[in-house]
Amino acid sequence: MEQSIKAQVIALAQVDPFLTVKDLAEQVGTTTRYVRTILSEAQLSLHEMRRDYAKRLERSGRSSLPLEDFKIQKELTIAKVPGQTLAFGLQDWAELELFQARAVYRSSSLICYAELFTPEQLRIPARYESLRELLPVSYLERLEVSKQKAEVFPAPDALVAVLELPKQSQALKLTTLLTVADAPVALEIRWLGLEHLILKWSQRVAEVEVGFGK
């Protein structure tokens, strides 16, 4: 998946709204004038984003959004959230500020909505197959699956639309804890339509294999 300069500018501004227009231009290799145009066309204000960011830091932690409040943006978005928003037993992250990456992408015949939470600095490669590839390069070859949890929920309307599911479908929520040298580095959540979904576990591989059949 290739990210345009426009998408990179928007994602970087969402990650760190305290970057200046000049900083954003330098990081993506464009002009400050084009950055201002991108922000204006996207109706984004760095001033407003900084104020919203400060408000988020002041909020107390809370559990994940209920399904009726489920909201999805198809393009890659990156934000910062309090570690207390996670309910996956990661107590060491409770007091940390985490990056949250979200995107809808298609892999083979599967459409997936994915979220990635991590205290590590994210990067935005020109091409990537999954959100895991936003993690630091030094981690990628050493990533291990430590723990996985599969849950089934009635698919919210927003998920039905983006995953192209029939109405009143069920969705699989697959949560994966990723570690490097036994230390947690990221929590990945993938949402998939349950219909025709095939899950395979193997004693030789720690991670569940997700497939699609008719």
C-alpha atoms as a PDB file:
ATOM      1  CA  MET A   1       0.000   0.000   0.000  1.00  0.00           C
ATOM      2  CA  GLU A   2       1.547   3.280  -1.086  1.00  0.00           C
ATOM      3  CA  GLN A   3       0.989   6.471   0.872  1.00  0.00           C
ATOM      4  CA  SER A   4       0.823   9.772  -1.011  1.00  0.00           C
ATOM      5  CA  ILE A   5       2.533  12.930   0.242  1.00  0.00           C
ATOM      6  CA  LYS A   6      -0.900  14.186   1.271  1.00  0.00           C
ATOM      7  CA  ALA A   7      -1.594  11.081   3.371  1.00  0.00           C
ATOM      8  CA  GLN A   8       1.864  11.274   4.952  1.00  0.00           C
ATOM      9  CA  VAL A   9       1.423  14.921   5.936  1.00  0.00           C
ATOM     10  CA  ILE A  10      -1.994  14.264   7.483  1.00  0.00           C
ATOM     11  CA  ALA A  11      -0.788  11.185   9.362  1.00  0.00           C
ATOM     12  CA  LEU A  12       2.311  12.957  10.723  1.00  0.00           C
ATOM     13  CA  ALA A  13       0.247  15.946  11.834  1.00  0.00           C
ATOM     14  CA  GLN A  14      -2.144  13.608  13.637  1.00  0.00           C
ATOM     15  CA  VAL A  15       0.746  11.836  15.365  1.00  0.00           C
ATOM     16  CA  ASP A  16       2.414  15.035  16.533  1.00  0.00           C
ATOM     17  CA  PRO A  17       0.431  18.257  16.015  1.00  0.00           C
ATOM     18  CA  PHE A  18       3.272  20.183  17.611  1.00  0.00           C
ATOM     19  CA  LEU A  19       5.333  19.739  14.455  1.00  0.00           C
ATOM     20  CA  THR A  20       5.571  22.981  12.491  1.00  0.00           C
ATOM     21  CA  VAL A  21       4.598  23.320   8.835  1.00  0.00           C
ATOM     22  CA  LYS A  22       8.316  23.456   8.047  1.00  0.00           C
ATOM     23  CA  ASP A  23       8.937  20.237  10.023  1.00  0.00           C
ATOM     24  CA  LEU A  24       6.168  18.449   8.120  1.00  0.00           C
ATOM     25  CA  ALA A  25       7.496  19.651   4.782  1.00  0.00           C
ATOM     26  CA  GLU A  26      11.027  18.466   5.564  1.00  0.00           C
ATOM     27  CA  GLN A  27       9.875  15.038   6.755  1.00  0.00           C
ATOM     28  CA  VAL A  28       7.910  14.227   3.602  1.00  0.00           C
ATOM     29  CA  GLY A  29      10.157  16.078   1.153  1.00  0.00           C
ATOM     30  CA  THR A  30       7.825  18.795  -0.075  1.00  0.00           C
ATOM     31  CA  THR A  31       7.294  22.553   0.295  1.00  0.00           C
ATOM     32  CA  THR A  32       5.739  24.430   3.185  1.00  0.00           C
ATOM     33  CA  ARG A  33       3.239  25.927   0.734  1.00  0.00           C
ATOM     34  CA  TYR A  34       2.035  22.470  -0.299  1.00  0.00           C
ATOM     35  CA  VAL A  35       1.759  21.389   3.349  1.00  0.00           C
ATOM     36  CA  ARG A  36      -0.461  24.392   4.078  1.00  0.00           C
ATOM     37  CA  THR A  37      -2.585  23.516   1.046  1.00  0.00           C
ATOM     38  CA  ILE A  38      -2.944  19.909   2.215  1.00  0.00           C
ATOM     39  CA  LEU A  39      -3.969  20.935   5.726  1.00  0.00           C
ATOM     40  CA  SER A  40      -6.395  23.511   4.388  1.00  0.00           C
ATOM     41  CA  GLU A  41      -8.050  21.097   1.949  1.00  0.00           C
ATOM     42  CA  ALA A  42      -8.333  18.472   4.710  1.00  0.00           C
ATOM     43  CA  GLN A  43      -9.832  21.163   6.987  1.00  0.00           C
ATOM     44  CA  LEU A  44      -7.147  20.523   9.586  1.00  0.00           C
ATOM     45  CA  SER A  45      -5.802  23.189  11.893  1.00  0.00           C
ATOM     46  CA  LEU A  46      -2.564  22.490  13.757  1.00  0.00           C
ATOM     47  CA  HIS A  47      -3.729  24.907  16.445  1.00  0.00           C
ATOM     48  CA  GLU A  48      -7.001  23.026  16.951  1.00  0.00           C
ATOM     49  CA  MET A  49      -5.247  19.661  16.816  1.00  0.00           C
ATOM     50  CA  ARG A  50      -2.795  20.791  19.502  1.00  0.00           C
ATOM     51  CA  ARG A  51      -5.662  21.904  21.719  1.00  0.00           C
ATOM     52  CA  ASP A  52      -7.516  18.619  21.201  1.00  0.00           C
ATOM     53  CA  TYR A  53      -4.325  16.696  21.894  1.00  0.00           C
ATOM     54  CA  ALA A  54      -3.868  18.494  25.213  1.00  0.00           C
ATOM     55  CA  LYS A  55      -7.465  17.718  26.163  1.00  0.00           C
ATOM     56  CA  ARG A  56      -6.958  14.016  25.433  1.00  0.00           C
ATOM     57  CA  LEU A  57      -3.960  13.898  27.732  1.00  0.00           C
ATOM     58  CA  GLU A  58      -6.079  15.327  30.531  1.00  0.00           C
ATOM     59  CA  ARG A  59      -8.761  12.666  30.237  1.00  0.00           C
ATOM     60  CA  SER A  60      -8.734   9.733  32.582  1.00  0.00           C
ATOM     61  CA  GLY A  61      -8.387   6.302  30.990  1.00  0.00           C
ATOM     62  CA  ARG A  62     -11.443   4.348  29.983  1.00  0.00           C
ATOM     63  CA  SER A  63     -12.153   1.029  28.313  1.00  0.00           C
ATOM     64  CA  SER A  64     -12.578   0.585  24.575  1.00  0.00           C
ATOM     65  CA  LEU A  65     -15.493   2.260  22.827  1.00  0.00           C
ATOM     66  CA  PRO A  66     -18.731   0.278  22.916  1.00  0.00           C
ATOM     67  CA  LEU A  67     -19.710  -1.239  19.602  1.00  0.00           C
ATOM     68  CA  GLU A  68     -22.544   1.220  19.080  1.00  0.00           C
ATOM     69  CA  ASP A  69     -19.929   4.014  19.022  1.00  0.00           C
ATOM     70  CA  PHE A  70     -17.668   2.166  16.586  1.00  0.00           C
ATOM     71  CA  LYS A  71     -16.160   4.625  14.085  1.00  0.00           C
ATOM     72  CA  ILE A  72     -13.933   3.818  11.117  1.00  0.00           C
ATOM     73  CA  GLN A  73     -11.793   5.838   8.721  1.00  0.00           C
ATOM     74  CA  LYS A  74     -10.589   3.904   5.683  1.00  0.00           C
ATOM     75  CA  GLU A  75      -7.299   5.741   5.204  1.00  0.00           C
ATOM     76  CA  LEU A  76      -4.378   5.330   7.560  1.00  0.00           C
ATOM     77  CA  THR A  77      -4.799   7.496  10.653  1.00  0.00           C
ATOM     78  CA  ILE A  78      -2.428   7.789  13.581  1.00  0.00           C
ATOM     79  CA  ALA A  79      -3.239   9.343  16.948  1.00  0.00           C
ATOM     80  CA  LYS A  80      -1.984   9.289  20.502  1.00  0.00           C
ATOM     81  CA  VAL A  81      -4.094   7.720  23.248  1.00  0.00           C
ATOM     82  CA  PRO A  82      -3.625   7.036  26.982  1.00  0.00           C
ATOM     83  CA  GLY A  83      -2.415   3.521  27.759  1.00  0.00           C
ATOM     84  CA  GLN A  84      -5.317   3.098  30.138  1.00  0.00           C
ATOM     85  CA  THR A  85      -7.678   2.825  27.149  1.00  0.00           C
ATOM     86  CA  LEU A  86      -6.467  -0.747  26.594  1.00  0.00           C
ATOM     87  CA  ALA A  87      -8.138  -3.598  28.414  1.00  0.00           C
ATOM     88  CA  PHE A  88      -5.672  -6.398  27.678  1.00  0.00           C
ATOM     89  CA  GLY A  89      -3.745  -6.796  30.911  1.00  0.00           C
ATOM     90  CA  LEU A  90      -0.842  -4.548  29.881  1.00  0.00           C
ATOM     91  CA  GLN A  91      -0.398  -2.877  33.236  1.00  0.00           C
ATOM     92  CA  ASP A  92       3.076  -1.563  32.339  1.00  0.00           C
ATOM     93  CA  TRP A  93       1.453   0.528  29.601  1.00  0.00           C
ATOM     94  CA  ALA A  94      -1.292   1.990  31.796  1.00  0.00           C
ATOM     95  CA  GLU A  95       0.631   5.199  32.516  1.00  0.00           C
ATOM     96  CA  LEU A  96       2.153   5.513  29.059  1.00  0.00           C
ATOM     97  CA  GLU A  97       1.045   7.467  26.037  1.00  0.00           C
ATOM     98  CA  LEU A  98       0.532   5.141  23.072  1.00  0.00           C
ATOM     99  CA  PHE A  99       0.438   5.572  19.330  1.00  0.00           C
ATOM    100  CA  GLN A 100      -2.729   4.218  17.737  1.00  0.00           C
ATOM    101  CA  ALA A 101      -2.630   3.420  14.009  1.00  0.00           C
ATOM    102  CA  ARG A 102      -5.823   2.464  12.168  1.00  0.00           C
ATOM    103  CA  ALA A 103      -6.509   1.498   8.568  1.00  0.00           C
ATOM    104  CA  VAL A 104      -8.670  -0.604   6.287  1.00  0.00           C
ATOM    105  CA  TYR A 105      -6.744  -2.762   3.855  1.00  0.00           C
ATOM    106  CA  ARG A 106      -7.289  -5.726   1.563  1.00  0.00           C
ATOM    107  CA  SER A 107      -5.076  -8.788   1.654  1.00  0.00           C
ATOM    108  CA  SER A 108      -5.870 -11.305  -1.074  1.00  0.00           C
ATOM    109  CA  SER A 109      -9.652 -11.778  -0.872  1.00  0.00           C
ATOM    110  CA  LEU A 110      -9.838 -10.557   2.745  1.00  0.00           C
ATOM    111  CA  ILE A 111     -10.838  -7.040   3.726  1.00  0.00           C
ATOM    112  CA  CYS A 112      -9.589  -6.171   7.190  1.00  0.00           C
ATOM    113  CA  TYR A 113      -9.967  -3.253   9.576  1.00  0.00           C
ATOM    114  CA  ALA A 114      -6.887  -3.122  11.765  1.00  0.00           C
ATOM    115  CA  GLU A 115      -5.684  -1.162  14.778  1.00  0.00           C
ATOM    116  CA  LEU A 116      -2.166  -1.125  16.232  1.00  0.00           C
ATOM    117  CA  PHE A 117      -1.288   0.246  19.679  1.00  0.00           C
ATOM    118  CA  THR A 118       2.343   0.757  20.701  1.00  0.00           C
ATOM    119  CA  PRO A 119       4.524   2.988  22.891  1.00  0.00           C
ATOM    120  CA  GLU A 120       7.158   2.911  20.120  1.00  0.00           C
ATOM    121  CA  GLN A 121       7.640   5.670  17.559  1.00  0.00           C
ATOM    122  CA  LEU A 122       5.847   4.753  14.336  1.00  0.00           C
ATOM    123  CA  ARG A 123       7.113   5.353  10.827  1.00  0.00           C
ATOM    124  CA  ILE A 124       5.209   5.575   7.547  1.00  0.00           C
ATOM    125  CA  PRO A 125       6.801   3.427   4.818  1.00  0.00           C
ATOM    126  CA  ALA A 126       5.911   4.066   1.191  1.00  0.00           C
ATOM    127  CA  ARG A 127       4.476   0.554   0.957  1.00  0.00           C
ATOM    128  CA  TYR A 128       3.272  -1.851   3.607  1.00  0.00           C
ATOM    129  CA  GLU A 129       1.173  -5.012   3.855  1.00  0.00           C
ATOM    130  CA  SER A 130       0.072  -4.661   7.478  1.00  0.00           C
ATOM    131  CA  LEU A 131       0.222  -2.100  10.272  1.00  0.00           C
ATOM    132  CA  ARG A 132       3.007  -4.104  11.895  1.00  0.00           C
ATOM    133  CA  GLU A 133       5.340  -2.671   9.266  1.00  0.00           C
ATOM    134  CA  LEU A 134       4.890   0.782  10.821  1.00  0.00           C
ATOM    135  CA  LEU A 135       6.948  -0.398  13.802  1.00  0.00           C
ATOM    136  CA  PRO A 136      10.691   0.406  13.947  1.00  0.00           C
ATOM    137  CA  VAL A 137      12.668  -1.513  11.314  1.00  0.00           C
ATOM    138  CA  SER A 138      14.892  -3.058  13.993  1.00  0.00           C
ATOM    139  CA  TYR A 139      11.841  -4.856  15.412  1.00  0.00           C
ATOM    140  CA  LEU A 140      10.344  -6.324  12.254  1.00  0.00           C
ATOM    141  CA  GLU A 141      12.479  -9.460  11.912  1.00  0.00           C
ATOM    142  CA  ARG A 142      12.328 -10.127  15.659  1.00  0.00           C
ATOM    143  CA  LEU A 143       8.575  -9.806  16.199  1.00  0.00           C
ATOM    144  CA  GLU A 144       6.975 -12.743  17.972  1.00  0.00           C
ATOM    145  CA  VAL A 145       3.364 -13.531  18.774  1.00  0.00           C
ATOM    146  CA  SER A 146       3.045 -13.874  22.536  1.00  0.00           C
ATOM    147  CA  LYS A 147      -0.709 -14.087  23.006  1.00  0.00           C
ATOM    148  CA  GLN A 148      -3.829 -14.110  20.855  1.00  0.00           C
ATOM    149  CA  LYS A 149      -7.515 -13.762  21.638  1.00  0.00           C
ATOM    150  CA  ALA A 150     -10.423 -14.313  19.247  1.00  0.00           C
ATOM    151  CA  GLU A 151     -13.900 -12.913  19.940  1.00  0.00           C
ATOM    152  CA  VAL A 152     -17.094 -12.803  17.895  1.00  0.00           C
ATOM    153  CA  PHE A 153     -19.446  -9.798  17.948  1.00  0.00           C
ATOM    154  CA  PRO A 154     -22.463  -8.610  15.957  1.00  0.00           C
ATOM    155  CA  ALA A 155     -20.828  -6.382  13.339  1.00  0.00           C
ATOM    156  CA  PRO A 156     -21.534  -2.646  13.911  1.00  0.00           C
ATOM    157  CA  ASP A 157     -23.012  -0.774  10.937  1.00  0.00           C
ATOM    158  CA  ALA A 158     -19.721   1.026  10.252  1.00  0.00           C
ATOM    159  CA  LEU A 159     -17.878  -2.306  10.065  1.00  0.00           C
ATOM    160  CA  VAL A 160     -20.567  -3.876   7.872  1.00  0.00           C
ATOM    161  CA  ALA A 161     -20.158  -1.045   5.370  1.00  0.00           C
ATOM    162  CA  VAL A 162     -16.372  -0.988   5.203  1.00  0.00           C
ATOM    163  CA  LEU A 163     -15.918  -4.795   5.138  1.00  0.00           C
ATOM    164  CA  GLU A 164     -18.692  -5.145   2.554  1.00  0.00           C
ATOM    165  CA  LEU A 165     -20.667  -7.548   4.744  1.00  0.00           C
ATOM    166  CA  PRO A 166     -24.338  -8.507   4.557  1.00  0.00           C
ATOM    167  CA  LYS A 167     -26.527  -6.760   7.107  1.00  0.00           C
ATOM    168  CA  GLN A 168     -26.708  -8.343  10.571  1.00  0.00           C
ATOM    169  CA  SER A 169     -23.385 -10.117  10.012  1.00  0.00           C
ATOM    170  CA  GLN A 170     -21.016 -11.237  12.718  1.00  0.00           C
ATOM    171  CA  ALA A 171     -17.416 -10.062  12.941  1.00  0.00           C
ATOM    172  CA  LEU A 172     -14.278 -11.625  14.330  1.00  0.00           C
ATOM    173  CA  LYS A 173     -12.069  -9.509  16.571  1.00  0.00           C
ATOM    174  CA  LEU A 174      -8.585 -11.007  16.648  1.00  0.00           C
ATOM    175  CA  THR A 175      -6.288  -9.427  19.233  1.00  0.00           C
ATOM    176  CA  THR A 176      -2.563 -10.199  19.039  1.00  0.00           C
ATOM    177  CA  LEU A 177       0.167  -9.221  21.500  1.00  0.00           C
ATOM    178  CA  LEU A 178       3.488  -8.726  19.690  1.00  0.00           C
ATOM    179  CA  THR A 179       6.775  -8.976  21.574  1.00  0.00           C
ATOM    180  CA  VAL A 180      10.497  -8.581  20.964  1.00  0.00           C
ATOM    181  CA  ALA A 181      12.788 -10.536  23.276  1.00  0.00           C
ATOM    182  CA  ASP A 182       9.750 -11.305  25.476  1.00  0.00           C
ATOM    183  CA  ALA A 183       8.979  -7.595  25.957  1.00  0.00           C
ATOM    184  CA  PRO A 184       5.606  -6.334  24.634  1.00  0.00           C
ATOM    185  CA  VAL A 185       6.021  -3.814  21.807  1.00  0.00           C
ATOM    186  CA  ALA A 186       2.586  -3.667  20.167  1.00  0.00           C
ATOM    187  CA  LEU A 187      -1.009  -4.774  20.457  1.00  0.00           C
ATOM    188  CA  GLU A 188      -2.714  -5.487  17.141  1.00  0.00           C
ATOM    189  CA  ILE A 189      -6.483  -5.754  16.704  1.00  0.00           C
ATOM    190  CA  ARG A 190      -7.940  -7.019  13.442  1.00  0.00           C
ATOM    191  CA  TRP A 191     -11.634  -7.022  12.567  1.00  0.00           C
ATOM    192  CA  LEU A 192     -12.858  -9.386   9.844  1.00  0.00           C
ATOM    193  CA  GLY A 193     -16.209 -10.592   8.583  1.00  0.00           C
ATOM    194  CA  LEU A 194     -16.975 -14.029  10.013  1.00  0.00           C
ATOM    195  CA  GLU A 195     -18.696 -15.426   6.914  1.00  0.00           C
ATOM    196  CA  HIS A 196     -16.426 -17.865   5.005  1.00  0.00           C
ATOM    197  CA  LEU A 197     -13.539 -17.046   7.367  1.00  0.00           C
ATOM    198  CA  ILE A 198     -11.128 -19.909   8.066  1.00  0.00           C
ATOM    199  CA  LEU A 199      -8.872 -19.940  11.140  1.00  0.00           C
ATOM    200  CA  LYS A 200      -6.082 -22.477  11.505  1.00  0.00           C
ATOM    201  CA  TRP A 201      -3.904 -23.084  14.556  1.00  0.00           C
ATOM    202  CA  SER A 202      -0.667 -25.064  14.438  1.00  0.00           C
ATOM    203  CA  GLN A 203       1.585 -26.311  17.221  1.00  0.00           C
ATOM    204  CA  ARG A 204       4.569 -25.309  15.063  1.00  0.00           C
ATOM    205  CA  VAL A 205       3.482 -21.673  14.601  1.00  0.00           C
ATOM    206  CA  ALA A 206       2.421 -19.378  17.437  1.00  0.00           C
ATOM    207  CA  GLU A 207       0.101 -17.256  15.305  1.00  0.00           C
ATOM    208  CA  VAL A 208      -3.309 -18.225  14.021  1.00  0.00           C
ATOM    209  CA  GLU A 209      -3.545 -18.377  10.224  1.00  0.00           C
ATOM    210  CA  VAL A 210      -6.439 -16.390   8.777  1.00  0.00           C
ATOM    211  CA  GLY A 211      -7.884 -17.503   5.459  1.00  0.00           C
ATOM    212  CA  PHE A 212     -11.013 -17.215   3.355  1.00  0.00           C
ATOM    213  CA  GLY A 213     -13.035 -19.921   1.625  1.00  0.00           C
ATOM    214  CA  LYS A 214     -16.342 -20.421  -0.104  1.00  0.00           C
END
